[in-house]
PDB file of N, CA and C in Angstrom:
ATOM      1  N   UNK A   1      13.842   7.049  -2.335  1.00  0.00           N
ATOM      2  CA  UNK A   1      12.933   6.657  -1.281  1.00  0.00           C
ATOM      3  C   UNK A   1      12.509   5.210  -1.500  1.00  0.00           C
ATOM      4  N   UNK A   2      12.643   4.391  -0.493  1.00  0.00           N
ATOM      5  CA  UNK A   2      12.166   3.007  -0.528  1.00  0.00           C
ATOM      6  C   UNK A   2      10.645   3.008  -0.388  1.00  0.00           C
ATOM      7  N   UNK A   3       9.996   1.947  -0.862  1.00  0.00           N
ATOM      8  CA  UNK A   3       8.534   1.913  -0.790  1.00  0.00           C
ATOM      9  C   UNK A   3       8.025   1.689   0.625  1.00  0.00           C
ATOM     10  N   UNK A   4       8.893   1.251   1.534  1.00  0.00           N
ATOM     11  CA  UNK A   4       8.468   0.995   2.907  1.00  0.00           C
ATOM     12  C   UNK A   4       9.530   1.528   3.859  1.00  0.00           C
ATOM     13  N   UNK A   5       9.066   2.184   4.935  1.00  0.00           N
ATOM     14  CA  UNK A   5      10.019   2.690   5.926  1.00  0.00           C
ATOM     15  C   UNK A   5       9.317   2.878   7.262  1.00  0.00           C
ATOM     16  N   UNK A   6      10.114   2.797   8.318  1.00  0.00           N
ATOM     17  CA  UNK A   6       9.572   3.066   9.643  1.00  0.00           C
ATOM     18  C   UNK A   6       9.345   4.558   9.787  1.00  0.00           C
ATOM     19  N   UNK A   7       8.305   4.913  10.507  1.00  0.00           N
ATOM     20  CA  UNK A   7       8.028   6.324  10.776  1.00  0.00           C
ATOM     21  C   UNK A   7       7.408   6.427  12.164  1.00  0.00           C
ATOM     22  N   UNK A   8       7.206   7.631  12.570  1.00  0.00           N
ATOM     23  CA  UNK A   8       6.584   7.865  13.861  1.00  0.00           C
ATOM     24  C   UNK A   8       5.176   7.268  13.854  1.00  0.00           C
ATOM     25  N   UNK A   9       4.921   6.334  14.702  1.00  0.00           N
ATOM     26  CA  UNK A   9       3.593   5.747  14.802  1.00  0.00           C
ATOM     27  C   UNK A   9       3.380   4.487  13.995  1.00  0.00           C
ATOM     28  N   UNK A  10       4.398   4.016  13.276  1.00  0.00           N
ATOM     29  CA  UNK A  10       4.204   2.789  12.514  1.00  0.00           C
ATOM     30  C   UNK A  10       5.140   2.648  11.346  1.00  0.00           C
ATOM     31  N   UNK A  11       4.594   2.106  10.262  1.00  0.00           N
ATOM     32  CA  UNK A  11       5.353   1.867   9.039  1.00  0.00           C
ATOM     33  C   UNK A  11       4.616   2.547   7.891  1.00  0.00           C
ATOM     34  N   UNK A  12       5.368   3.308   7.072  1.00  0.00           N
ATOM     35  CA  UNK A  12       4.788   3.935   5.889  1.00  0.00           C
ATOM     36  C   UNK A  12       5.020   3.036   4.685  1.00  0.00           C
ATOM     37  N   UNK A  13       3.961   2.866   3.880  1.00  0.00           N
ATOM     38  CA  UNK A  13       4.062   2.109   2.638  1.00  0.00           C
ATOM     39  C   UNK A  13       3.638   3.043   1.508  1.00  0.00           C
ATOM     40  N   UNK A  14       4.538   3.248   0.552  1.00  0.00           N
ATOM     41  CA  UNK A  14       4.251   4.108  -0.598  1.00  0.00           C
ATOM     42  C   UNK A  14       3.761   3.232  -1.746  1.00  0.00           C
ATOM     43  N   UNK A  15       2.611   3.616  -2.285  1.00  0.00           N
ATOM     44  CA  UNK A  15       1.892   2.780  -3.242  1.00  0.00           C
ATOM     45  C   UNK A  15       1.615   3.546  -4.527  1.00  0.00           C
ATOM     46  N   UNK A  16       1.669   2.812  -5.637  1.00  0.00           N
ATOM     47  CA  UNK A  16       1.179   3.324  -6.918  1.00  0.00           C
ATOM     48  C   UNK A  16       0.019   2.424  -7.313  1.00  0.00           C
ATOM     49  N   UNK A  17      -1.158   3.025  -7.349  1.00  0.00           N
ATOM     50  CA  UNK A  17      -2.393   2.270  -7.574  1.00  0.00           C
ATOM     51  C   UNK A  17      -2.755   2.205  -9.054  1.00  0.00           C
ATOM     52  N   UNK A  18      -3.325   1.071  -9.441  1.00  0.00           N
ATOM     53  CA  UNK A  18      -3.903   0.907 -10.770  1.00  0.00           C
ATOM     54  C   UNK A  18      -5.359   0.510 -10.579  1.00  0.00           C
ATOM     55  N   UNK A  19      -6.270   1.500 -10.629  1.00  0.00           N
ATOM     56  CA  UNK A  19      -7.689   1.184 -10.487  1.00  0.00           C
ATOM     57  C   UNK A  19      -8.242   0.573 -11.773  1.00  0.00           C
ATOM     58  N   UNK A  20      -9.438   0.022 -11.696  1.00  0.00           N
ATOM     59  CA  UNK A  20     -10.116  -0.570 -12.857  1.00  0.00           C
ATOM     60  C   UNK A  20      -9.354  -1.754 -13.442  1.00  0.00           C
ATOM     61  N   UNK A  21      -8.574  -2.434 -12.634  1.00  0.00           N
ATOM     62  CA  UNK A  21      -7.794  -3.580 -13.113  1.00  0.00           C
ATOM     63  C   UNK A  21      -8.694  -4.808 -13.227  1.00  0.00           C
ATOM     64  N   UNK A  22      -8.282  -5.752 -14.047  1.00  0.00           N
ATOM     65  CA  UNK A  22      -9.047  -6.991 -14.189  1.00  0.00           C
ATOM     66  C   UNK A  22      -8.875  -7.888 -12.980  1.00  0.00           C
ATOM     67  N   UNK A  23      -7.713  -7.788 -12.316  1.00  0.00           N
ATOM     68  CA  UNK A  23      -7.378  -8.641 -11.188  1.00  0.00           C
ATOM     69  C   UNK A  23      -6.913  -7.764 -10.028  1.00  0.00           C
ATOM     70  N   UNK A  24      -7.303  -8.135  -8.816  1.00  0.00           N
ATOM     71  CA  UNK A  24      -6.797  -7.427  -7.638  1.00  0.00           C
ATOM     72  C   UNK A  24      -5.571  -8.146  -7.122  1.00  0.00           C
ATOM     73  N   UNK A  25      -4.445  -7.414  -7.055  1.00  0.00           N
ATOM     74  CA  UNK A  25      -3.236  -8.041  -6.544  1.00  0.00           C
ATOM     75  C   UNK A  25      -2.156  -7.003  -6.272  1.00  0.00           C
ATOM     76  N   UNK A  26      -1.213  -7.420  -5.448  1.00  0.00           N
ATOM     77  CA  UNK A  26       0.004  -6.657  -5.245  1.00  0.00           C
ATOM     78  C   UNK A  26       0.955  -7.137  -6.332  1.00  0.00           C
ATOM     79  N   UNK A  27       1.472  -6.190  -7.115  1.00  0.00           N
ATOM     80  CA  UNK A  27       2.162  -6.531  -8.346  1.00  0.00           C
ATOM     81  C   UNK A  27       3.644  -6.148  -8.330  1.00  0.00           C
ATOM     82  N   UNK A  28       4.282  -6.277  -7.174  1.00  0.00           N
ATOM     83  CA  UNK A  28       5.715  -6.013  -7.096  1.00  0.00           C
ATOM     84  C   UNK A  28       6.052  -4.567  -6.790  1.00  0.00           C
ATOM     85  N   UNK A  29       7.308  -4.219  -7.062  1.00  0.00           N
ATOM     86  CA  UNK A  29       7.827  -2.889  -6.753  1.00  0.00           C
ATOM     87  C   UNK A  29       8.179  -2.182  -8.050  1.00  0.00           C
ATOM     88  N   UNK A  30       7.838  -0.907  -8.125  1.00  0.00           N
ATOM     89  CA  UNK A  30       8.165  -0.084  -9.284  1.00  0.00           C
ATOM     90  C   UNK A  30       9.234   0.925  -8.890  1.00  0.00           C
ATOM     91  N   UNK A  31      10.319   0.942  -9.645  1.00  0.00           N
ATOM     92  CA  UNK A  31      11.374   1.937  -9.456  1.00  0.00           C
ATOM     93  C   UNK A  31      11.158   3.046 -10.476  1.00  0.00           C
ATOM     94  N   UNK A  32      10.863   4.248 -10.005  1.00  0.00           N
ATOM     95  CA  UNK A  32      10.572   5.376 -10.888  1.00  0.00           C
ATOM     96  C   UNK A  32      11.854   6.099 -11.296  1.00  0.00           C
ATOM     97  N   UNK A  33      11.785   6.862 -12.364  1.00  0.00           N
ATOM     98  CA  UNK A  33      12.935   7.619 -12.855  1.00  0.00           C
ATOM     99  C   UNK A  33      13.442   8.642 -11.839  1.00  0.00           C
ATOM    100  N   UNK A  34      12.555   9.110 -10.963  1.00  0.00           N
ATOM    101  CA  UNK A  34      12.958  10.101  -9.962  1.00  0.00           C
ATOM    102  C   UNK A  34      13.646   9.465  -8.754  1.00  0.00           C
ATOM    103  N   UNK A  35      13.857   8.140  -8.798  1.00  0.00           N
ATOM    104  CA  UNK A  35      14.545   7.439  -7.716  1.00  0.00           C
ATOM    105  C   UNK A  35      13.631   6.897  -6.633  1.00  0.00           C
ATOM    106  N   UNK A  36      12.343   7.176  -6.720  1.00  0.00           N
ATOM    107  CA  UNK A  36      11.391   6.683  -5.727  1.00  0.00           C
ATOM    108  C   UNK A  36      10.916   5.280  -6.077  1.00  0.00           C
ATOM    109  N   UNK A  37      10.599   4.532  -5.044  1.00  0.00           N
ATOM    110  CA  UNK A  37      10.049   3.182  -5.189  1.00  0.00           C
ATOM    111  C   UNK A  37       8.606   3.190  -4.708  1.00  0.00           C
ATOM    112  N   UNK A  38       7.779   2.422  -5.393  1.00  0.00           N
ATOM    113  CA  UNK A  38       6.382   2.270  -4.998  1.00  0.00           C
ATOM    114  C   UNK A  38       5.993   0.803  -5.073  1.00  0.00           C
ATOM    115  N   UNK A  39       5.148   0.392  -4.155  1.00  0.00           N
ATOM    116  CA  UNK A  39       4.535  -0.924  -4.222  1.00  0.00           C
ATOM    117  C   UNK A  39       3.372  -0.807  -5.199  1.00  0.00           C
ATOM    118  N   UNK A  40       3.364  -1.624  -6.238  1.00  0.00           N
ATOM    119  CA  UNK A  40       2.292  -1.566  -7.232  1.00  0.00           C
ATOM    120  C   UNK A  40       1.114  -2.394  -6.743  1.00  0.00           C
ATOM    121  N   UNK A  41      -0.062  -1.760  -6.722  1.00  0.00           N
ATOM    122  CA  UNK A  41      -1.279  -2.448  -6.275  1.00  0.00           C
ATOM    123  C   UNK A  41      -2.353  -2.268  -7.340  1.00  0.00           C
ATOM    124  N   UNK A  42      -2.847  -3.386  -7.853  1.00  0.00           N
ATOM    125  CA  UNK A  42      -3.935  -3.364  -8.831  1.00  0.00           C
ATOM    126  C   UNK A  42      -5.235  -3.678  -8.109  1.00  0.00           C
ATOM    127  N   UNK A  43      -6.247  -2.870  -8.407  1.00  0.00           N
ATOM    128  CA  UNK A  43      -7.551  -3.059  -7.768  1.00  0.00           C
ATOM    129  C   UNK A  43      -8.662  -2.952  -8.813  1.00  0.00           C
ATOM    130  N   UNK A  44      -9.741  -3.647  -8.563  1.00  0.00           N
ATOM    131  CA  UNK A  44     -10.888  -3.617  -9.485  1.00  0.00           C
ATOM    132  C   UNK A  44     -11.715  -2.341  -9.329  1.00  0.00           C
ATOM    133  N   UNK A  45     -11.715  -1.782  -8.150  1.00  0.00           N
ATOM    134  CA  UNK A  45     -12.563  -0.629  -7.854  1.00  0.00           C
ATOM    135  C   UNK A  45     -12.196   0.570  -8.727  1.00  0.00           C
ATOM    136  N   UNK A  46     -13.207   1.378  -8.996  1.00  0.00           N
ATOM    137  CA  UNK A  46     -12.954   2.612  -9.734  1.00  0.00           C
ATOM    138  C   UNK A  46     -12.627   3.717  -8.728  1.00  0.00           C
ATOM    139  N   UNK A  47     -11.859   4.702  -9.162  1.00  0.00           N
ATOM    140  CA  UNK A  47     -11.473   5.769  -8.238  1.00  0.00           C
ATOM    141  C   UNK A  47     -12.603   6.781  -8.042  1.00  0.00           C
ATOM    142  N   UNK A  48     -13.628   6.358  -7.349  1.00  0.00           N
ATOM    143  CA  UNK A  48     -14.790   7.209  -7.128  1.00  0.00           C
ATOM    144  C   UNK A  48     -15.301   7.026  -5.705  1.00  0.00           C
ATOM    145  N   UNK A  49     -15.527   8.118  -5.015  1.00  0.00           N
ATOM    146  CA  UNK A  49     -16.064   8.114  -3.651  1.00  0.00           C
ATOM    147  C   UNK A  49     -15.228   7.288  -2.678  1.00  0.00           C
ATOM    148  N   UNK A  50     -13.918   7.241  -2.891  1.00  0.00           N
ATOM    149  CA  UNK A  50     -13.031   6.536  -1.980  1.00  0.00           C
ATOM    150  C   UNK A  50     -13.029   5.029  -2.118  1.00  0.00           C
ATOM    151  N   UNK A  51     -13.729   4.494  -3.128  1.00  0.00           N
ATOM    152  CA  UNK A  51     -13.817   3.036  -3.299  1.00  0.00           C
ATOM    153  C   UNK A  51     -12.447   2.425  -3.571  1.00  0.00           C
ATOM    154  N   UNK A  52     -11.647   3.089  -4.389  1.00  0.00           N
ATOM    155  CA  UNK A  52     -10.312   2.554  -4.705  1.00  0.00           C
ATOM    156  C   UNK A  52      -9.427   2.568  -3.463  1.00  0.00           C
ATOM    157  N   UNK A  53      -9.485   3.640  -2.680  1.00  0.00           N
ATOM    158  CA  UNK A  53      -8.686   3.720  -1.452  1.00  0.00           C
ATOM    159  C   UNK A  53      -9.079   2.616  -0.478  1.00  0.00           C
ATOM    160  N   UNK A  54     -10.362   2.377  -0.336  1.00  0.00           N
ATOM    161  CA  UNK A  54     -10.835   1.308   0.554  1.00  0.00           C
ATOM    162  C   UNK A  54     -10.340  -0.057   0.080  1.00  0.00           C
ATOM    163  N   UNK A  55     -10.342  -0.265  -1.242  1.00  0.00           N
ATOM    164  CA  UNK A  55      -9.886  -1.541  -1.794  1.00  0.00           C
ATOM    165  C   UNK A  55      -8.390  -1.740  -1.548  1.00  0.00           C
ATOM    166  N   UNK A  56      -7.619  -0.668  -1.656  1.00  0.00           N
ATOM    167  CA  UNK A  56      -6.175  -0.748  -1.403  1.00  0.00           C
ATOM    168  C   UNK A  56      -5.920  -1.118   0.054  1.00  0.00           C
ATOM    169  N   UNK A  57      -6.609  -0.461   0.957  1.00  0.00           N
ATOM    170  CA  UNK A  57      -6.441  -0.755   2.383  1.00  0.00           C
ATOM    171  C   UNK A  57      -6.814  -2.210   2.662  1.00  0.00           C
ATOM    172  N   UNK A  58      -7.877  -2.675   2.045  1.00  0.00           N
ATOM    173  CA  UNK A  58      -8.331  -4.060   2.249  1.00  0.00           C
ATOM    174  C   UNK A  58      -7.276  -5.063   1.774  1.00  0.00           C
ATOM    175  N   UNK A  59      -6.703  -4.853   0.595  1.00  0.00           N
ATOM    176  CA  UNK A  59      -5.725  -5.801   0.052  1.00  0.00           C
ATOM    177  C   UNK A  59      -4.422  -5.782   0.858  1.00  0.00           C
ATOM    178  N   UNK A  60      -4.014  -4.602   1.348  1.00  0.00           N
ATOM    179  CA  UNK A  60      -2.795  -4.513   2.167  1.00  0.00           C
ATOM    180  C   UNK A  60      -3.038  -5.169   3.526  1.00  0.00           C
ATOM    181  N   UNK A  61      -4.198  -4.920   4.126  1.00  0.00           N
ATOM    182  CA  UNK A  61      -4.529  -5.530   5.421  1.00  0.00           C
ATOM    183  C   UNK A  61      -4.553  -7.055   5.312  1.00  0.00           C
ATOM    184  N   UNK A  62      -5.106  -7.559   4.228  1.00  0.00           N
ATOM    185  CA  UNK A  62      -5.162  -9.012   4.023  1.00  0.00           C
ATOM    186  C   UNK A  62      -3.752  -9.585   3.877  1.00  0.00           C
ATOM    187  N   UNK A  63      -2.896  -8.913   3.114  1.00  0.00           N
ATOM    188  CA  UNK A  63      -1.525  -9.397   2.908  1.00  0.00           C
ATOM    189  C   UNK A  63      -0.732  -9.404   4.210  1.00  0.00           C
ATOM    190  N   UNK A  64      -0.962  -8.389   5.049  1.00  0.00           N
ATOM    191  CA  UNK A  64      -0.228  -8.282   6.311  1.00  0.00           C
ATOM    192  C   UNK A  64      -0.905  -9.027   7.457  1.00  0.00           C
ATOM    193  N   UNK A  65      -2.122  -9.532   7.199  1.00  0.00           N
ATOM    194  CA  UNK A  65      -2.904 -10.244   8.222  1.00  0.00           C
ATOM    195  C   UNK A  65      -3.139  -9.373   9.461  1.00  0.00           C
ATOM    196  N   UNK A  66      -3.593  -8.136   9.191  1.00  0.00           N
ATOM    197  CA  UNK A  66      -3.922  -7.194  10.261  1.00  0.00           C
ATOM    198  C   UNK A  66      -5.299  -6.604   9.974  1.00  0.00           C
ATOM    199  N   UNK A  67      -5.942  -6.014  10.994  1.00  0.00           N
ATOM    200  CA  UNK A  67      -7.243  -5.378  10.750  1.00  0.00           C
ATOM    201  C   UNK A  67      -7.094  -4.124   9.881  1.00  0.00           C
ATOM    202  N   UNK A  68      -8.121  -3.856   9.068  1.00  0.00           N
ATOM    203  CA  UNK A  68      -8.106  -2.652   8.230  1.00  0.00           C
ATOM    204  C   UNK A  68      -7.997  -1.391   9.081  1.00  0.00           C
ATOM    205  N   UNK A  69      -8.495  -1.453  10.295  1.00  0.00           N
ATOM    206  CA  UNK A  69      -8.457  -0.280  11.179  1.00  0.00           C
ATOM    207  C   UNK A  69      -7.035   0.101  11.588  1.00  0.00           C
ATOM    208  N   UNK A  70      -6.072  -0.798  11.371  1.00  0.00           N
ATOM    209  CA  UNK A  70      -4.664  -0.498  11.672  1.00  0.00           C
ATOM    210  C   UNK A  70      -3.979   0.257  10.542  1.00  0.00           C
ATOM    211  N   UNK A  71      -4.698   0.520   9.459  1.00  0.00           N
ATOM    212  CA  UNK A  71      -4.111   1.188   8.295  1.00  0.00           C
ATOM    213  C   UNK A  71      -4.827   2.516   8.065  1.00  0.00           C
ATOM    214  N   UNK A  72      -4.026   3.554   7.846  1.00  0.00           N
ATOM    215  CA  UNK A  72      -4.554   4.899   7.619  1.00  0.00           C
ATOM    216  C   UNK A  72      -3.966   5.451   6.323  1.00  0.00           C
ATOM    217  N   UNK A  73      -4.800   6.066   5.508  1.00  0.00           N
ATOM    218  CA  UNK A  73      -4.331   6.723   4.288  1.00  0.00           C
ATOM    219  C   UNK A  73      -3.807   8.104   4.662  1.00  0.00           C
ATOM    220  N   UNK A  74      -2.491   8.289   4.556  1.00  0.00           N
ATOM    221  CA  UNK A  74      -1.870   9.566   4.928  1.00  0.00           C
ATOM    222  C   UNK A  74      -1.954  10.584   3.802  1.00  0.00           C
ATOM    223  N   UNK A  75      -1.563  10.170   2.610  1.00  0.00           N
ATOM    224  CA  UNK A  75      -1.569  11.085   1.461  1.00  0.00           C
ATOM    225  C   UNK A  75      -2.066  10.341   0.228  1.00  0.00           C
ATOM    226  N   UNK A  76      -2.497  11.107  -0.759  1.00  0.00           N
ATOM    227  CA  UNK A  76      -2.894  10.536  -2.036  1.00  0.00           C
ATOM    228  C   UNK A  76      -4.357  10.153  -2.130  1.00  0.00           C
ATOM    229  N   UNK A  77      -5.213  10.859  -1.410  1.00  0.00           N
ATOM    230  CA  UNK A  77      -6.636  10.521  -1.427  1.00  0.00           C
ATOM    231  C   UNK A  77      -7.210  10.512  -2.842  1.00  0.00           C
ATOM    232  N   UNK A  78      -6.699  11.397  -3.717  1.00  0.00           N
ATOM    233  CA  UNK A  78      -7.269  11.488  -5.067  1.00  0.00           C
ATOM    234  C   UNK A  78      -6.260  11.191  -6.164  1.00  0.00           C
ATOM    235  N   UNK A  79      -5.054  10.760  -5.800  1.00  0.00           N
ATOM    236  CA  UNK A  79      -4.033  10.477  -6.805  1.00  0.00           C
ATOM    237  C   UNK A  79      -3.728   8.998  -6.896  1.00  0.00           C
ATOM    238  N   UNK A  80      -2.877   8.651  -7.862  1.00  0.00           N
ATOM    239  CA  UNK A  80      -2.475   7.242  -8.018  1.00  0.00           C
ATOM    240  C   UNK A  80      -1.379   6.862  -7.048  1.00  0.00           C
ATOM    241  N   UNK A  81      -0.564   7.823  -6.633  1.00  0.00           N
ATOM    242  CA  UNK A  81       0.470   7.517  -5.649  1.00  0.00           C
ATOM    243  C   UNK A  81      -0.070   7.859  -4.269  1.00  0.00           C
ATOM    244  N   UNK A  82       0.150   6.952  -3.341  1.00  0.00           N
ATOM    245  CA  UNK A  82      -0.433   7.079  -2.004  1.00  0.00           C
ATOM    246  C   UNK A  82       0.595   6.702  -0.953  1.00  0.00           C
ATOM    247  N   UNK A  83       0.361   7.160   0.253  1.00  0.00           N
ATOM    248  CA  UNK A  83       1.173   6.750   1.388  1.00  0.00           C
ATOM    249  C   UNK A  83       0.229   6.248   2.467  1.00  0.00           C
ATOM    250  N   UNK A  84       0.415   4.992   2.851  1.00  0.00           N
ATOM    251  CA  UNK A  84      -0.371   4.394   3.932  1.00  0.00           C
ATOM    252  C   UNK A  84       0.480   4.338   5.184  1.00  0.00           C
ATOM    253  N   UNK A  85      -0.139   4.552   6.315  1.00  0.00           N
ATOM    254  CA  UNK A  85       0.520   4.372   7.604  1.00  0.00           C
ATOM    255  C   UNK A  85      -0.075   3.140   8.256  1.00  0.00           C
ATOM    256  N   UNK A  86       0.780   2.150   8.499  1.00  0.00           N
ATOM    257  CA  UNK A  86       0.355   0.943   9.207  1.00  0.00           C
ATOM    258  C   UNK A  86       0.726   1.143  10.665  1.00  0.00           C
ATOM    259  N   UNK A  87      -0.307   1.282  11.488  1.00  0.00           N
ATOM    260  CA  UNK A  87      -0.093   1.510  12.921  1.00  0.00           C
ATOM    261  C   UNK A  87       0.022   0.158  13.604  1.00  0.00           C
ATOM    262  N   UNK A  88       1.253  -0.216  13.873  1.00  0.00           N
ATOM    263  CA  UNK A  88       1.489  -1.538  14.440  1.00  0.00           C
ATOM    264  C   UNK A  88       2.633  -1.448  15.432  1.00  0.00           C
ATOM    265  N   UNK A  89       2.432  -1.971  16.598  1.00  0.00           N
ATOM    266  CA  UNK A  89       3.452  -1.900  17.653  1.00  0.00           C
ATOM    267  C   UNK A  89       4.611  -2.870  17.414  1.00  0.00           C
ATOM    268  N   UNK A  90       4.339  -3.976  16.767  1.00  0.00           N
ATOM    269  CA  UNK A  90       5.363  -5.001  16.531  1.00  0.00           C
ATOM    270  C   UNK A  90       5.968  -4.819  15.147  1.00  0.00           C
ATOM    271  N   UNK A  91       6.864  -3.866  15.021  1.00  0.00           N
ATOM    272  CA  UNK A  91       7.433  -3.541  13.723  1.00  0.00           C
ATOM    273  C   UNK A  91       8.540  -4.512  13.337  1.00  0.00           C
ATOM    274  N   UNK A  92       8.422  -5.050  12.150  1.00  0.00           N
ATOM    275  CA  UNK A  92       9.461  -5.878  11.571  1.00  0.00           C
ATOM    276  C   UNK A  92       9.406  -5.625  10.063  1.00  0.00           C
ATOM    277  N   UNK A  93      10.228  -4.687   9.608  1.00  0.00           N
ATOM    278  CA  UNK A  93      10.196  -4.267   8.210  1.00  0.00           C
ATOM    279  C   UNK A  93      10.403  -5.453   7.267  1.00  0.00           C
ATOM    280  N   UNK A  94      11.343  -6.320   7.584  1.00  0.00           N
ATOM    281  CA  UNK A  94      11.612  -7.468   6.709  1.00  0.00           C
ATOM    282  C   UNK A  94      10.378  -8.362   6.581  1.00  0.00           C
ATOM    283  N   UNK A  95       9.678  -8.581   7.686  1.00  0.00           N
ATOM    284  CA  UNK A  95       8.459  -9.400   7.642  1.00  0.00           C
ATOM    285  C   UNK A  95       7.378  -8.710   6.805  1.00  0.00           C
ATOM    286  N   UNK A  96       7.280  -7.376   6.931  1.00  0.00           N
ATOM    287  CA  UNK A  96       6.314  -6.616   6.139  1.00  0.00           C
ATOM    288  C   UNK A  96       6.622  -6.788   4.652  1.00  0.00           C
ATOM    289  N   UNK A  97       7.894  -6.650   4.292  1.00  0.00           N
ATOM    290  CA  UNK A  97       8.289  -6.754   2.878  1.00  0.00           C
ATOM    291  C   UNK A  97       7.966  -8.139   2.349  1.00  0.00           C
ATOM    292  N   UNK A  98       8.305  -9.184   3.099  1.00  0.00           N
ATOM    293  CA  UNK A  98       8.010 -10.551   2.661  1.00  0.00           C
ATOM    294  C   UNK A  98       6.509 -10.773   2.481  1.00  0.00           C
ATOM    295  N   UNK A  99       5.714 -10.207   3.379  1.00  0.00           N
ATOM    296  CA  UNK A  99       4.259 -10.381   3.301  1.00  0.00           C
ATOM    297  C   UNK A  99       3.664  -9.632   2.104  1.00  0.00           C
ATOM    298  N   UNK A 100       4.271  -8.507   1.732  1.00  0.00           N
ATOM    299  CA  UNK A 100       3.708  -7.677   0.678  1.00  0.00           C
ATOM    300  C   UNK A 100       4.132  -8.079  -0.728  1.00  0.00           C
ATOM    301  N   UNK A 101       5.324  -8.579  -0.884  1.00  0.00           N
ATOM    302  CA  UNK A 101       5.817  -8.877  -2.234  1.00  0.00           C
ATOM    303  C   UNK A 101       5.296 -10.209  -2.722  1.00  0.00           C
ATOM    304  N   UNK A 102       4.972 -10.276  -4.025  1.00  0.00           N
ATOM    305  CA  UNK A 102       4.478 -11.530  -4.591  1.00  0.00           C
ATOM    306  C   UNK A 102       5.501 -12.652  -4.433  1.00  0.00           C
ATOM    307  N   UNK A 103       5.008 -13.836  -4.249  1.00  0.00           N
ATOM    308  CA  UNK A 103       5.874 -14.997  -4.038  1.00  0.00           C
ATOM    309  C   UNK A 103       6.555 -15.395  -5.325  1.00  0.00           C
TER     310      UNK A 103
END
């Protein structure tokens, strides 16, 4: 599974979160032993009361230059691996990948 794919209603982004990080940033792509890919996201927030999920949505929205309201947490409310749905009518997967990956 690639970390990003088109789906019904938008684009899905699969994320592996690192809460309590010293720096907030998108930290590249992780290829797992099971063949899945995840976008690594480091956040300062602790995983309590949805603070980490909110921080992830904020950092992805900033990278994509879209409103936070265009992003929905589909799965992973309490886990480190998450799936976000970016509800966007103008889909361009390549542009999304370029915007998300570190320069």
